[in-house]
Amino acid sequence: MAPSAPSDPALLLHDAVALSGRFPLLAGVDLEVARGETVLVEGPNGAGKTSLLRVCAGLVPLASGRVAVFGLDPVRRRARVRRRVGLVAHASHLYDDLTVRENVRFAVRAAGASTDRIDGACERLGLTGRLLRTSASKLSAGQRRRVALAVLAARWPELWLLDEPHAGLDASTRSILGELIGEASSSGATVVIASHEFGFVEPLVTRAVTVTGGRVTAERTLETGSVDRLPFPVAPVPEPPAPTDRPPVRPLEGQVHHVA
């Protein structure tokens, strides 16, 4: 397949249907997200928000319809899409027998990204000193979420998929997350956030999409999605290093590895 053209949207779903057995996770989603957009996906629990993000990450195949990420099928072109997409999901999927730093390094290398940003990302998320050398089995839920965010910050992908990213975070880390989202947006990355925290993400997003019953049922444009209006400073972000030619590291047998 030829490389995706610059005009391809970051995300495109057309009549997308995804199933779990006979149960519809998505029931015909139509959605387009342009490159550089920051979009909120909202809706009640069980509406299909998580399934939508997992489909876009290539973790759930479609039963029918179409999904394209930067013009690529995220299942058939999983390795190429994986390098460009980062997902922070409900579960962190860390390896309990590895330390914090080992988990971050493994996930970054598995995605085929450079390891140059690991130390800075860990420090920014408060993963320093003894905590870096602590095994994941001893981490709290909030600490595990910080490790997942450190992976995202170390990779700095083109597409950020964030599923309830504020869950389990203290106020300080929520502010850091807001800074990261703002910086990602200002650097040209595309960000899709599934969240109930509208008051916190509203200054960050340019559009809100409502999902109900596995379908996009409404959307609205928000005029607040500007880094000039963020309640915190946004630092300049260096260009992310070019992807290496090293093939992605395969997850250990019997383990589940997440995209982010």
Protein backbone atom coordinates (compact mmCIF):
# COMPACT_ATOMS: atom_id res chain seq x y z
CA MET A 1 0.00 0.00 0.00
CA ALA A 2 1.27 3.45 -0.85
CA PRO A 3 2.10 5.83 2.05
CA SER A 4 -0.86 7.80 3.31
CA ALA A 5 -1.29 11.17 1.63
CA PRO A 6 -1.02 14.34 3.76
CA SER A 7 -4.69 15.01 3.03
CA ASP A 8 -5.80 11.78 4.76
CA PRO A 9 -7.57 12.53 8.05
CA ALA A 10 -6.06 11.22 11.24
CA LEU A 11 -9.15 9.06 11.81
CA LEU A 12 -11.94 7.98 9.52
CA LEU A 13 -14.73 5.59 10.43
CA HIS A 14 -17.61 4.86 8.07
CA ASP A 15 -20.57 2.70 9.14
CA ALA A 16 -18.18 0.95 11.54
CA VAL A 17 -19.62 -2.10 13.28
CA ALA A 18 -17.69 -4.03 15.93
CA LEU A 19 -18.97 -7.04 17.83
CA SER A 20 -18.22 -8.97 20.99
CA GLY A 21 -19.81 -12.29 20.16
CA ARG A 22 -23.24 -11.16 19.00
CA PHE A 23 -23.23 -8.01 21.11
CA PRO A 24 -22.62 -4.81 19.13
CA LEU A 25 -19.80 -2.71 20.59
CA LEU A 26 -20.18 -0.22 17.74
CA ALA A 27 -23.39 -0.15 15.70
CA GLY A 28 -22.49 1.91 12.64
CA VAL A 29 -20.16 4.75 13.64
CA ASP A 30 -19.44 7.57 11.21
CA LEU A 31 -16.65 9.86 12.37
CA GLU A 32 -13.83 11.87 10.86
CA VAL A 33 -11.07 13.55 12.85
CA ALA A 34 -8.72 15.88 11.01
CA ARG A 35 -5.00 15.93 11.69
CA GLY A 36 -4.18 18.25 14.55
CA GLU A 37 -7.68 18.21 16.06
CA THR A 38 -8.29 17.66 19.76
CA VAL A 39 -11.66 15.95 20.15
CA LEU A 40 -13.66 14.92 23.19
CA VAL A 41 -15.73 11.73 22.93
CA GLU A 42 -18.51 11.84 25.51
CA GLY A 43 -21.48 9.68 26.40
CA PRO A 44 -22.87 7.46 29.16
CA ASN A 45 -21.11 4.36 30.45
CA GLY A 46 -21.46 1.50 27.99
CA ALA A 47 -22.11 3.84 25.06
CA GLY A 48 -19.14 2.56 23.06
CA LYS A 49 -16.46 5.17 23.82
CA THR A 50 -13.81 2.65 24.87
CA SER A 51 -14.65 0.36 21.95
CA LEU A 52 -14.28 3.28 19.56
CA LEU A 53 -10.76 4.01 20.82
CA ARG A 54 -9.79 0.34 20.75
CA VAL A 55 -10.98 0.02 17.16
CA CYS A 56 -8.87 3.05 16.21
CA ALA A 57 -5.86 1.49 17.96
CA GLY A 58 -6.24 -1.73 15.98
CA LEU A 59 -7.10 -3.80 19.05
CA VAL A 60 -10.67 -4.60 17.97
CA PRO A 61 -11.39 -5.57 14.35
CA LEU A 62 -14.50 -4.41 12.54
CA ALA A 63 -17.25 -6.82 11.60
CA SER A 64 -18.23 -4.45 8.79
CA GLY A 65 -17.66 -0.90 7.66
CA ARG A 66 -14.35 0.89 7.43
CA VAL A 67 -11.75 2.39 9.73
CA ALA A 68 -8.59 4.18 8.60
CA VAL A 69 -5.83 5.74 10.71
CA PHE A 70 -3.75 8.14 8.63
CA GLY A 71 -5.17 6.31 5.63
CA LEU A 72 -4.10 2.88 6.92
CA ASP A 73 -6.13 -0.09 8.15
CA PRO A 74 -5.11 -0.34 11.85
CA VAL A 75 -5.51 -4.14 11.91
CA ARG A 76 -3.97 -5.09 8.57
CA ARG A 77 -1.21 -2.48 8.94
CA ARG A 78 -0.85 -2.83 12.69
CA ALA A 79 2.93 -2.45 12.87
CA ARG A 80 2.93 0.78 10.88
CA VAL A 81 -0.05 2.23 12.72
CA ARG A 82 1.32 1.21 16.10
CA ARG A 83 4.34 3.46 15.63
CA ARG A 84 2.07 6.45 15.09
CA VAL A 85 -0.61 5.82 17.73
CA GLY A 86 -0.49 5.84 21.52
CA LEU A 87 -3.35 4.53 23.65
CA VAL A 88 -3.79 5.11 27.38
CA ALA A 89 -6.49 2.63 28.37
CA HIS A 90 -8.31 1.80 31.61
CA ALA A 91 -5.86 -1.01 32.36
CA SER A 92 -2.16 -0.20 32.25
CA HIS A 93 -1.08 -3.73 31.20
CA LEU A 94 2.29 -3.48 32.90
CA TYR A 95 4.60 -6.44 33.41
CA ASP A 96 4.51 -6.95 37.18
CA ASP A 97 7.97 -8.56 37.28
CA LEU A 98 9.62 -5.55 35.59
CA THR A 99 10.55 -2.27 37.25
CA VAL A 100 8.92 1.02 36.34
CA ARG A 101 11.79 2.03 34.08
CA GLU A 102 11.98 -1.42 32.49
CA ASN A 103 8.26 -1.25 31.71
CA VAL A 104 8.56 2.17 30.10
CA ARG A 105 11.60 1.13 28.07
CA PHE A 106 9.98 -2.10 26.95
CA ALA A 107 6.77 -0.39 25.82
CA VAL A 108 8.66 2.35 23.96
CA ARG A 109 10.88 -0.16 22.15
CA ALA A 110 7.91 -2.42 21.41
CA ALA A 111 6.32 0.49 19.54
CA GLY A 112 9.49 0.97 17.51
CA ALA A 113 10.16 4.42 19.00
CA SER A 114 13.41 6.01 20.15
CA THR A 115 14.33 5.65 23.81
CA ASP A 116 15.90 9.12 23.99
CA ARG A 117 12.94 10.73 25.79
CA ILE A 118 12.43 8.09 28.48
CA ASP A 119 14.33 9.77 31.31
CA GLY A 120 12.69 13.14 30.75
CA ALA A 121 9.23 11.61 30.50
CA CYS A 122 9.66 9.62 33.71
CA GLU A 123 10.93 12.66 35.59
CA ARG A 124 8.03 14.76 34.40
CA LEU A 125 5.52 12.18 35.66
CA GLY A 126 7.25 11.97 39.03
CA LEU A 127 8.76 8.56 38.36
CA THR A 128 12.19 9.11 39.89
CA GLY A 129 14.61 7.64 42.39
CA ARG A 130 13.52 4.48 44.16
CA LEU A 131 10.17 4.48 42.37
CA LEU A 132 11.93 3.94 39.03
CA ARG A 133 13.45 0.75 40.43
CA THR A 134 10.20 -0.50 41.98
CA SER A 135 8.50 -3.50 40.41
CA ALA A 136 5.12 -2.80 38.84
CA SER A 137 3.47 -5.32 41.14
CA LYS A 138 3.95 -2.89 44.04
CA LEU A 139 2.45 0.17 42.34
CA SER A 140 -0.85 1.81 43.20
CA ALA A 141 -3.48 2.37 40.51
CA GLY A 142 -2.47 6.02 40.22
CA GLN A 143 1.22 5.14 39.87
CA ARG A 144 0.42 2.59 37.18
CA ARG A 145 -1.49 5.28 35.29
CA ARG A 146 1.53 7.58 35.57
CA VAL A 147 3.72 4.86 34.03
CA ALA A 148 1.31 4.59 31.09
CA LEU A 149 1.43 8.37 30.64
CA ALA A 150 5.23 8.30 30.79
CA VAL A 151 5.23 5.81 27.92
CA LEU A 152 3.05 8.18 25.92
CA ALA A 153 5.24 11.19 26.71
CA ALA A 154 8.39 9.23 25.83
CA ARG A 155 6.96 8.11 22.49
CA TRP A 156 5.14 11.37 21.59
CA PRO A 157 3.02 9.71 18.86
CA GLU A 158 1.10 11.45 16.10
CA LEU A 159 -2.26 10.25 17.45
CA TRP A 160 -3.11 10.20 21.17
CA LEU A 161 -6.06 8.04 22.25
CA LEU A 162 -6.92 8.71 25.88
CA ASP A 163 -9.60 6.66 27.66
CA GLU A 164 -10.67 8.39 30.90
CA PRO A 165 -7.06 9.51 31.36
CA HIS A 166 -7.74 11.44 34.60
CA ALA A 167 -8.99 8.38 36.50
CA GLY A 168 -6.87 7.61 39.56
CA LEU A 169 -4.67 10.71 39.22
CA ASP A 170 -4.05 13.27 41.94
CA ALA A 171 -4.49 16.98 41.28
CA SER A 172 -0.82 17.53 40.46
CA THR A 173 -0.68 14.74 37.89
CA ARG A 174 -3.96 15.89 36.36
CA SER A 175 -2.34 19.26 35.74
CA ILE A 176 0.68 17.56 34.16
CA LEU A 177 -1.66 15.57 31.93
CA GLY A 178 -3.38 18.77 30.87
CA GLU A 179 0.00 20.28 30.01
CA LEU A 180 0.93 17.21 27.95
CA ILE A 181 -2.35 17.33 26.01
CA GLY A 182 -1.90 21.04 25.35
CA GLU A 183 1.67 20.54 24.17
CA ALA A 184 0.68 17.61 21.97
CA SER A 185 -2.00 19.75 20.35
CA SER A 186 0.34 22.70 19.85
CA SER A 187 2.96 20.43 18.27
CA GLY A 188 0.46 19.19 15.66
CA ALA A 189 -0.51 15.84 17.16
CA THR A 190 -4.12 14.63 17.01
CA VAL A 191 -5.74 13.92 20.38
CA VAL A 192 -8.97 12.01 21.02
CA ILE A 193 -10.13 11.96 24.65
CA ALA A 194 -12.95 9.82 26.04
CA SER A 195 -13.76 11.45 29.35
CA HIS A 196 -16.45 12.40 31.84
CA GLU A 197 -14.22 15.24 33.07
CA PHE A 198 -15.71 17.85 30.75
CA GLY A 199 -14.81 20.74 33.01
CA PHE A 200 -11.14 19.82 32.87
CA VAL A 201 -10.83 18.93 29.17
CA GLU A 202 -13.15 21.62 27.81
CA PRO A 203 -10.36 24.23 27.50
CA LEU A 204 -8.33 21.71 25.50
CA VAL A 205 -10.74 20.47 22.84
CA THR A 206 -12.10 22.01 19.66
CA ARG A 207 -14.97 19.57 19.16
CA ALA A 208 -17.12 17.25 21.25
CA VAL A 209 -18.66 14.08 19.82
CA THR A 210 -21.46 12.24 21.64
CA VAL A 211 -21.61 8.45 21.41
CA THR A 212 -24.81 6.67 22.40
CA GLY A 213 -25.71 3.05 21.75
CA GLY A 214 -22.58 2.44 19.69
CA ARG A 215 -23.26 5.35 17.31
CA VAL A 216 -22.22 8.97 17.00
CA THR A 217 -25.47 10.75 17.79
CA ALA A 218 -24.37 14.39 18.08
CA GLU A 219 -21.40 16.69 17.85
CA ARG A 220 -20.67 20.29 18.57
CA THR A 221 -17.84 22.70 17.96
CA LEU A 222 -16.16 24.33 20.93
CA GLU A 223 -14.38 27.65 20.65
CA THR A 224 -12.19 27.09 23.69
CA GLY A 225 -9.71 24.68 22.14
CA SER A 226 -6.74 27.03 22.10
CA VAL A 227 -3.43 26.73 23.94
CA ASP A 228 -3.68 30.49 24.60
CA ARG A 229 -6.60 29.82 26.96
CA LEU A 230 -5.14 26.93 28.93
CA PRO A 231 -4.97 27.36 32.72
CA PHE A 232 -1.28 26.37 32.71
CA PRO A 233 1.83 27.28 30.68
CA VAL A 234 2.63 25.21 27.61
CA ALA A 235 6.30 24.56 27.04
CA PRO A 236 7.71 24.28 23.51
CA VAL A 237 8.01 20.67 22.39
CA PRO A 238 11.02 19.48 20.37
CA GLU A 239 10.42 17.53 17.22
CA PRO A 240 10.04 13.83 18.08
CA PRO A 241 12.90 11.63 16.86
CA ALA A 242 12.34 9.80 13.61
CA PRO A 243 11.14 6.19 14.03
CA THR A 244 13.96 3.71 13.99
CA ASP A 245 14.18 0.93 11.46
CA ARG A 246 14.39 -1.59 14.28
CA PRO A 247 11.42 -3.98 14.13
CA PRO A 248 9.01 -3.74 17.07
CA VAL A 249 9.76 -5.97 20.05
CA ARG A 250 7.23 -8.77 20.32
CA PRO A 251 5.39 -9.06 23.67
CA LEU A 252 6.29 -12.03 25.84
CA GLU A 253 4.32 -15.19 25.20
CA GLY A 254 1.07 -15.21 27.12
CA GLN A 255 1.20 -11.52 27.98
CA VAL A 256 -1.10 -8.79 26.73
CA HIS A 257 0.68 -5.65 25.53
CA HIS A 258 -1.02 -2.32 25.13
CA VAL A 259 -0.48 0.23 22.43
CA ALA A 260 0.52 3.18 24.52
